[in-house]
Amino acid sequence: MISTSAATTLNSGIHPHLQQLTEDMIALAESIAMSEDGKQLRDGVIARVQGILDTEWPKEAKIECFGSSASGLGTDSSDLDLVILPALHDQDQDVSTPGRFQDLFVLKTLFQRYSMRDVEVIHGARVPILKFTDHKTGIKVDLNYGQNTGIYNTRLIESYVQIDERVRTFLFVLKAFVKARGINSPPLGSLSSYCYSLMAISYFQTLLVPVLPCLQDPHLIPHNVPNPGRFGSTRLINVAFTDPSRIRPCVPRNSMTLGELFIGFLEYYGSKFQYARSCVSVRCGDVIPRGEVSSSWSRHAFVVEDPFILDFNAAGSKQDMMNIIRHEFQAAVQALKGGRGLSAILTARQPYSNRH
C-alpha cells in the first residue's frame, strides 16, 4: 500500500502552491472537457455511420461508441471510437477471423462512396480497425468489427469516475500532461491513455486511505454476469464488475487534495513502483507479484494487467521508453514541488519514439 503520511501533514496546513495546483487542475479539466456541441457533433457522426449500415450493409448490426467520448473523458479534439456489434447469431465468430477482416475492406469501399475521407484499414494493430474522417465534421473515427470488450473497459472506467469527483479531473490533467510531454503515443512505443487511466485507478485503490474501491471484487458481483466469450487467446473473458451505486463510500474518506494526489502519483510511478517485481492490477485492487501473471510478460519493462483480458498487458513498453516516462514523471515532481505550477509541466515537446 502507498503511504499517505505526508498527505496528513500537508492537509493540516496545505502549502499555497499545492492549493494553487489543485485550483489549476480543476480549471484545466473544465476548459478541455468536451463541450455540448462536441457531444452533439459526435452523436451526428454515430447516426450517419449507423444510417450507412442500415441502408447498405447486408448484415444486421448496431454501432456503439466506446473510449473517452463515451466515458466522459473526451475533449473536442478526441477521436471517436466505434464498434460494429453484429447480430446475436453472428457474435460467436472470432474477431480475428478472415471474414471479419475482409468485412473491413468492404466497409472501406462503402464509406468512400459516402464521401468519408482518409479511409484506411489498419491491420497491424491487436484489433484490426477502419480509420476514416467524417466528411461533415472533420472528426477522426476508429471503427472495429465485433471487439466489444472496449465497451466494457469504457464502462468500468466511467464507473470509477462516478465514485469520486476528483478522479475525472485527475484523469483529464494526466491525459493533458502525458500528451504535452510526448509520452502518450502507442504507435511510437509509449503508453496509451487507457493504460494511464488504469495506472491512476490502481494508484487510487492502493493508497493507505484509498480513494477508490475495487469494483471487480468477487464478493460484490452478482452471479449472472456478462461474458463476451473468447478473444485472441484460449482464456474466457470475464467482464463482470459491480455497479458503483452498490458500493459504500470508502471509510475513512481520503482527504488528499488533487494537487497532492497528482504529485503522489508522479512520485509513485516515477521513483517508487517496483517495475521488475510488480504488476498493476485494477482487477485485484492491488499491486500483484509478477509471478502471478503470464510468464510471457517476463521480459516486459512494465506490466499493467487488462481488467478483463487477463493475458493482455496494457503497457507493453520497452525499457528505454519506460526510462523516458519515469524521467518525465520525476522532472514533473521537481517542478511541482518547487512551486513552478501546472503550466511548467505542460510545455509541449515532440513525441518520444523508440522506433529506429
Protein backbone atom coordinates (compact mmCIF):
# COMPACT_ATOMS: atom_id res chain seq x y z
CA MET A 1 0.00 0.00 0.00
CA ILE A 2 1.08 3.58 -0.65
CA SER A 3 1.69 5.70 2.42
CA THR A 4 -0.34 8.88 2.91
CA SER A 5 1.52 10.09 6.00
CA ALA A 6 2.91 13.05 4.07
CA ALA A 7 -0.58 13.93 2.92
CA THR A 8 -1.80 14.14 6.50
CA THR A 9 0.83 16.76 7.26
CA LEU A 10 0.03 18.72 4.13
CA ASN A 11 -3.70 18.66 4.76
CA SER A 12 -3.27 20.15 8.22
CA GLY A 13 -1.80 23.22 6.57
CA ILE A 14 -1.71 22.98 2.79
CA HIS A 15 1.09 24.91 1.16
CA PRO A 16 -0.18 27.71 -1.08
CA HIS A 17 1.43 26.23 -4.19
CA LEU A 18 -0.37 22.92 -3.59
CA GLN A 19 -3.68 24.71 -3.22
CA GLN A 20 -2.93 26.64 -6.41
CA LEU A 21 -2.05 23.38 -8.17
CA THR A 22 -5.42 21.93 -7.18
CA GLU A 23 -7.26 25.01 -8.45
CA ASP A 24 -5.29 24.96 -11.69
CA MET A 25 -6.10 21.27 -12.22
CA ILE A 26 -9.81 21.93 -11.80
CA ALA A 27 -9.66 24.89 -14.19
CA LEU A 28 -7.73 22.91 -16.80
CA ALA A 29 -10.15 19.98 -16.67
CA GLU A 30 -13.13 22.28 -17.08
CA SER A 31 -11.50 24.04 -20.02
CA ILE A 32 -10.67 20.90 -22.00
CA ALA A 33 -13.72 18.73 -21.24
CA MET A 34 -15.87 18.02 -24.29
CA SER A 35 -18.45 20.72 -24.93
CA GLU A 36 -22.14 20.09 -25.59
CA ASP A 37 -21.50 21.00 -29.24
CA GLY A 38 -18.73 18.39 -29.34
CA LYS A 39 -21.09 15.75 -27.98
CA GLN A 40 -23.79 16.65 -30.50
CA LEU A 41 -21.32 16.50 -33.40
CA ARG A 42 -20.23 13.02 -32.34
CA ASP A 43 -23.83 11.89 -31.95
CA GLY A 44 -24.34 13.05 -35.53
CA VAL A 45 -21.37 11.00 -36.75
CA ILE A 46 -22.68 7.90 -34.98
CA ALA A 47 -26.11 8.42 -36.55
CA ARG A 48 -24.54 8.81 -40.03
CA VAL A 49 -22.48 5.64 -39.67
CA GLN A 50 -25.50 3.70 -38.39
CA GLY A 51 -27.54 5.07 -41.29
CA ILE A 52 -24.97 3.86 -43.82
CA LEU A 53 -25.04 0.36 -42.32
CA ASP A 54 -28.84 0.29 -42.14
CA THR A 55 -29.06 1.29 -45.80
CA GLU A 56 -26.16 -0.61 -47.37
CA TRP A 57 -24.85 -3.34 -45.08
CA PRO A 58 -26.37 -6.81 -45.71
CA LYS A 59 -25.82 -7.93 -42.13
CA GLU A 60 -27.82 -6.79 -39.12
CA ALA A 61 -25.53 -4.66 -36.97
CA LYS A 62 -25.53 -1.87 -34.43
CA ILE A 63 -22.96 0.90 -33.89
CA GLU A 64 -21.87 1.65 -30.34
CA CYS A 65 -19.42 4.22 -29.02
CA PHE A 66 -16.65 3.48 -26.52
CA GLY A 67 -13.43 5.13 -25.35
CA SER A 68 -13.04 8.65 -23.99
CA SER A 69 -16.03 10.06 -25.89
CA ALA A 70 -18.27 7.55 -24.10
CA SER A 71 -16.64 7.61 -20.64
CA GLY A 72 -16.98 11.37 -20.10
CA LEU A 73 -13.23 11.90 -20.50
CA GLY A 74 -13.24 13.17 -24.06
CA THR A 75 -12.28 16.58 -25.42
CA ASP A 76 -13.48 18.40 -28.51
CA SER A 77 -10.37 17.13 -30.32
CA SER A 78 -10.80 13.48 -29.27
CA ASP A 79 -11.08 10.78 -31.90
CA LEU A 80 -14.31 8.79 -31.93
CA ASP A 81 -14.02 5.06 -31.16
CA LEU A 82 -16.83 2.95 -32.60
CA VAL A 83 -17.55 -0.76 -32.73
CA ILE A 84 -19.91 -2.64 -35.01
CA LEU A 85 -21.88 -5.09 -32.89
CA PRO A 86 -23.13 -7.91 -35.11
CA ALA A 87 -26.46 -9.63 -34.62
CA LEU A 88 -26.60 -12.27 -31.88
CA HIS A 89 -26.43 -15.16 -34.33
CA ASP A 90 -23.14 -13.76 -35.71
CA GLN A 91 -21.43 -12.92 -32.41
CA ASP A 92 -19.75 -16.29 -31.90
CA GLN A 93 -17.40 -15.61 -34.81
CA ASP A 94 -13.92 -14.64 -33.56
CA VAL A 95 -12.98 -11.05 -34.31
CA SER A 96 -9.69 -12.19 -35.86
CA THR A 97 -11.28 -14.50 -38.44
CA PRO A 98 -10.67 -13.71 -42.14
CA GLY A 99 -14.37 -12.97 -42.66
CA ARG A 100 -14.39 -10.14 -40.14
CA PHE A 101 -11.13 -8.79 -41.53
CA GLN A 102 -12.45 -8.80 -45.09
CA ASP A 103 -15.57 -7.00 -43.92
CA LEU A 104 -13.41 -4.00 -43.06
CA PHE A 105 -12.25 -3.73 -46.68
CA VAL A 106 -15.85 -3.92 -47.88
CA LEU A 107 -16.72 -1.17 -45.40
CA LYS A 108 -13.77 0.87 -46.66
CA THR A 109 -15.23 0.91 -50.17
CA LEU A 110 -18.68 1.67 -48.81
CA PHE A 111 -17.53 4.59 -46.66
CA GLN A 112 -15.51 6.05 -49.52
CA ARG A 113 -18.67 6.00 -51.60
CA TYR A 114 -20.36 8.07 -48.88
CA SER A 115 -17.57 10.69 -49.09
CA MET A 116 -15.80 9.78 -45.86
CA ARG A 117 -12.17 10.96 -46.07
CA ASP A 118 -8.81 9.26 -45.45
CA VAL A 119 -10.43 5.81 -45.22
CA GLU A 120 -7.84 3.17 -44.35
CA VAL A 121 -7.79 -0.36 -42.92
CA ILE A 122 -5.18 -0.75 -40.17
CA HIS A 123 -4.39 -4.45 -39.84
CA GLY A 124 -1.16 -4.32 -37.84
CA ALA A 125 -2.93 -3.45 -34.59
CA ARG A 126 -4.03 -6.01 -32.00
CA VAL A 127 -7.57 -5.40 -33.23
CA PRO A 128 -7.88 -4.51 -36.94
CA ILE A 129 -9.67 -1.19 -37.41
CA LEU A 130 -11.04 1.02 -40.13
CA LYS A 131 -9.86 4.62 -39.78
CA PHE A 132 -11.64 7.48 -41.50
CA THR A 133 -12.50 11.15 -41.13
CA ASP A 134 -16.14 12.22 -41.13
CA HIS A 135 -16.69 14.46 -44.14
CA LYS A 136 -19.10 16.84 -42.38
CA THR A 137 -17.36 17.44 -39.04
CA GLY A 138 -13.70 16.51 -39.62
CA ILE A 139 -13.89 14.16 -36.62
CA LYS A 140 -11.47 11.22 -36.89
CA VAL A 141 -13.04 7.81 -36.33
CA ASP A 142 -11.61 4.40 -35.43
CA LEU A 143 -14.08 1.62 -36.21
CA ASN A 144 -13.65 -2.07 -35.34
CA TYR A 145 -15.90 -5.02 -36.03
CA GLY A 146 -17.16 -7.06 -33.09
CA GLN A 147 -14.44 -6.40 -30.48
CA ASN A 148 -16.84 -5.41 -27.73
CA THR A 149 -14.52 -5.64 -24.73
CA GLY A 150 -13.72 -1.96 -25.34
CA ILE A 151 -17.30 -1.17 -24.36
CA TYR A 152 -16.84 -2.89 -21.00
CA ASN A 153 -13.45 -1.22 -20.44
CA THR A 154 -15.13 2.12 -21.04
CA ARG A 155 -17.98 1.35 -18.67
CA LEU A 156 -15.54 0.26 -15.97
CA ILE A 157 -13.53 3.49 -16.17
CA GLU A 158 -16.75 5.53 -16.32
CA SER A 159 -17.94 3.75 -13.17
CA TYR A 160 -14.74 4.58 -11.28
CA VAL A 161 -15.05 8.21 -12.39
CA GLN A 162 -18.55 8.35 -10.86
CA ILE A 163 -17.35 7.27 -7.41
CA ASP A 164 -15.21 10.30 -6.56
CA GLU A 165 -15.33 13.72 -8.19
CA ARG A 166 -11.54 14.03 -8.05
CA VAL A 167 -10.99 11.10 -10.42
CA ARG A 168 -12.40 12.77 -13.54
CA THR A 169 -10.39 15.97 -13.01
CA PHE A 170 -7.24 13.95 -12.28
CA LEU A 171 -7.57 11.89 -15.47
CA PHE A 172 -8.13 14.97 -17.63
CA VAL A 173 -4.96 16.58 -16.24
CA LEU A 174 -2.94 13.37 -16.52
CA LYS A 175 -4.02 12.98 -20.14
CA ALA A 176 -3.03 16.59 -20.89
CA PHE A 177 0.36 16.11 -19.21
CA VAL A 178 1.39 12.90 -20.98
CA LYS A 179 0.21 14.26 -24.32
CA ALA A 180 2.15 17.51 -23.88
CA ARG A 181 5.31 15.64 -22.87
CA GLY A 182 5.18 13.25 -25.83
CA ILE A 183 4.73 10.03 -23.81
CA ASN A 184 1.22 9.12 -24.99
CA SER A 185 1.72 7.59 -28.43
CA PRO A 186 1.49 3.77 -28.53
CA PRO A 187 2.47 3.60 -32.23
CA LEU A 188 5.78 5.18 -31.20
CA GLY A 189 6.24 2.82 -28.26
CA SER A 190 4.86 4.78 -25.31
CA LEU A 191 1.71 4.20 -23.23
CA SER A 192 -1.93 4.68 -24.23
CA SER A 193 -4.44 6.92 -22.46
CA TYR A 194 -6.24 3.74 -21.42
CA CYS A 195 -3.07 2.43 -19.75
CA TYR A 196 -2.51 5.71 -17.91
CA SER A 197 -6.12 5.57 -16.69
CA LEU A 198 -5.55 2.07 -15.28
CA MET A 199 -2.36 3.26 -13.58
CA ALA A 200 -4.26 6.12 -11.95
CA ILE A 201 -7.15 3.90 -10.80
CA SER A 202 -4.69 1.41 -9.32
CA TYR A 203 -2.87 4.22 -7.50
CA PHE A 204 -6.19 5.41 -6.04
CA GLN A 205 -7.02 1.85 -4.96
CA THR A 206 -3.71 1.19 -3.23
CA LEU A 207 -3.31 4.32 -1.14
CA LEU A 208 -3.24 3.62 2.59
CA VAL A 209 -6.53 5.52 2.71
CA PRO A 210 -7.98 4.58 -0.69
CA VAL A 211 -9.80 6.95 -3.00
CA LEU A 212 -11.40 4.07 -4.94
CA PRO A 213 -12.58 0.55 -4.10
CA CYS A 214 -12.22 -2.49 -6.37
CA LEU A 215 -15.38 -2.87 -8.47
CA GLN A 216 -14.28 -6.34 -9.58
CA ASP A 217 -14.17 -7.75 -6.05
CA PRO A 218 -15.84 -11.19 -6.47
CA HIS A 219 -17.83 -10.64 -3.27
CA LEU A 220 -19.55 -7.62 -4.81
CA ILE A 221 -20.52 -9.07 -8.20
CA PRO A 222 -23.92 -10.67 -8.91
CA HIS A 223 -23.91 -14.30 -10.07
CA ASN A 224 -25.34 -13.59 -13.52
CA VAL A 225 -22.58 -11.71 -15.32
CA PRO A 226 -21.97 -10.82 -18.98
CA ASN A 227 -19.25 -12.78 -20.73
CA PRO A 228 -18.44 -11.96 -24.36
CA GLY A 229 -16.50 -15.19 -24.89
CA ARG A 230 -13.03 -15.68 -26.25
CA PHE A 231 -10.75 -13.06 -27.70
CA GLY A 232 -7.34 -13.69 -29.18
CA SER A 233 -6.46 -16.45 -26.70
CA THR A 234 -7.76 -19.56 -25.00
CA ARG A 235 -8.92 -17.59 -21.96
CA LEU A 236 -12.55 -16.76 -21.39
CA ILE A 237 -13.03 -13.07 -20.77
CA ASN A 238 -14.99 -12.13 -17.67
CA VAL A 239 -16.23 -8.55 -17.95
CA ALA A 240 -18.20 -8.54 -14.73
CA PHE A 241 -18.00 -5.67 -12.27
CA THR A 242 -20.44 -4.22 -9.81
CA ASP A 243 -22.44 -1.03 -10.23
CA PRO A 244 -20.76 1.80 -8.28
CA SER A 245 -24.13 2.70 -6.72
CA ARG A 246 -23.92 -0.56 -4.77
CA ILE A 247 -20.60 0.44 -3.21
CA ARG A 248 -20.42 2.14 0.14
CA PRO A 249 -18.06 5.14 0.23
CA CYS A 250 -14.53 4.40 1.39
CA VAL A 251 -14.30 4.98 5.15
CA PRO A 252 -12.36 6.88 6.30
CA ARG A 253 -12.57 9.12 3.23
CA ASN A 254 -9.27 10.04 1.64
CA SER A 255 -8.90 13.80 2.13
CA MET A 256 -5.89 14.45 -0.11
CA THR A 257 -6.21 17.38 -2.48
CA LEU A 258 -5.94 16.93 -6.22
CA GLY A 259 -2.51 18.54 -6.12
CA GLU A 260 -1.27 16.09 -3.50
CA LEU A 261 -2.73 13.15 -5.39
CA PHE A 262 -1.13 14.24 -8.65
CA ILE A 263 2.33 14.72 -7.18
CA GLY A 264 1.96 11.44 -5.28
CA PHE A 265 1.05 9.60 -8.49
CA LEU A 266 4.05 11.03 -10.34
CA GLU A 267 6.37 10.14 -7.45
CA TYR A 268 4.95 6.65 -7.17
CA TYR A 269 5.42 5.66 -10.81
CA GLY A 270 8.48 7.85 -11.24
CA SER A 271 10.55 6.54 -8.32
CA LYS A 272 8.77 4.09 -6.02
CA PHE A 273 7.00 1.45 -8.09
CA GLN A 274 8.92 -1.84 -8.25
CA TYR A 275 8.79 -2.41 -12.00
CA ALA A 276 10.87 -5.59 -12.01
CA ARG A 277 8.80 -7.30 -9.31
CA SER A 278 5.27 -5.96 -9.53
CA CYS A 279 2.28 -5.60 -11.84
CA VAL A 280 -0.56 -3.10 -11.81
CA SER A 281 -3.91 -4.87 -11.39
CA VAL A 282 -7.11 -2.85 -11.19
CA ARG A 283 -8.96 -6.17 -11.24
CA CYS A 284 -7.40 -7.19 -7.92
CA GLY A 285 -7.43 -3.67 -6.50
CA ASP A 286 -3.77 -4.12 -5.60
CA VAL A 287 -0.25 -4.46 -6.95
CA ILE A 288 0.45 -8.14 -7.61
CA PRO A 289 3.75 -10.05 -7.97
CA ARG A 290 4.95 -10.78 -11.48
CA GLY A 291 4.87 -14.48 -10.66
CA GLU A 292 1.06 -14.36 -10.62
CA VAL A 293 0.67 -13.19 -14.22
CA SER A 294 1.50 -14.51 -17.68
CA SER A 295 5.06 -15.82 -17.99
CA SER A 296 5.18 -14.30 -21.49
CA TRP A 297 5.47 -10.89 -19.79
CA SER A 298 8.72 -11.75 -18.00
CA ARG A 299 10.76 -9.51 -20.29
CA HIS A 300 8.28 -6.64 -20.35
CA ALA A 301 9.59 -3.49 -18.71
CA PHE A 302 6.18 -2.65 -17.24
CA VAL A 303 3.06 -4.75 -16.75
CA VAL A 304 -0.44 -3.29 -16.45
CA GLU A 305 -2.92 -6.14 -16.49
CA ASP A 306 -6.03 -5.51 -18.55
CA PRO A 307 -9.00 -5.83 -16.15
CA PHE A 308 -10.87 -8.20 -18.46
CA ILE A 309 -8.45 -9.75 -20.97
CA LEU A 310 -6.12 -11.24 -18.42
CA ASP A 311 -3.38 -12.25 -20.85
CA PHE A 312 -3.12 -8.77 -22.35
CA ASN A 313 -0.53 -6.35 -20.97
CA ALA A 314 -1.98 -2.85 -21.49
CA ALA A 315 1.51 -1.33 -21.10
CA GLY A 316 3.97 -3.37 -23.15
CA SER A 317 6.55 -0.56 -23.32
CA LYS A 318 10.24 -1.35 -23.70
CA GLN A 319 12.81 -0.47 -21.07
CA ASP A 320 14.18 2.59 -22.84
CA MET A 321 10.70 4.09 -23.20
CA MET A 322 9.87 3.38 -19.54
CA ASN A 323 13.09 5.13 -18.57
CA ILE A 324 11.92 8.18 -20.53
CA ILE A 325 8.46 8.10 -18.94
CA ARG A 326 9.90 7.79 -15.45
CA HIS A 327 12.28 10.67 -16.17
CA GLU A 328 9.36 12.86 -17.28
CA PHE A 329 7.46 11.96 -14.10
CA GLN A 330 10.47 12.74 -11.90
CA ALA A 331 11.08 16.08 -13.64
CA ALA A 332 7.41 17.00 -13.18
CA VAL A 333 7.62 16.20 -9.45
CA GLN A 334 10.61 18.52 -9.08
CA ALA A 335 8.82 21.30 -10.93
CA LEU A 336 5.59 20.97 -8.97
CA LYS A 337 7.28 20.62 -5.59
CA GLY A 338 9.36 23.65 -6.46
CA GLY A 339 6.18 25.68 -6.86
CA ARG A 340 6.60 26.27 -10.60
CA GLY A 341 2.94 25.46 -11.25
CA LEU A 342 0.98 23.24 -13.58
CA SER A 343 1.86 25.22 -16.70
CA ALA A 344 5.54 24.36 -16.21
CA ILE A 345 4.91 20.65 -16.86
CA LEU A 346 2.53 21.18 -19.78
CA THR A 347 5.08 22.63 -22.18
CA ALA A 348 4.75 20.70 -25.41
CA ARG A 349 7.52 18.64 -26.97
CA GLN A 350 7.73 16.22 -29.88
CA PRO A 351 6.59 12.66 -29.02
CA TYR A 352 9.34 10.33 -27.88
CA SER A 353 9.89 7.27 -30.03
CA ASN A 354 11.74 4.01 -29.55
CA ARG A 355 11.36 3.21 -33.23
CA HIS A 356 14.58 3.45 -35.19
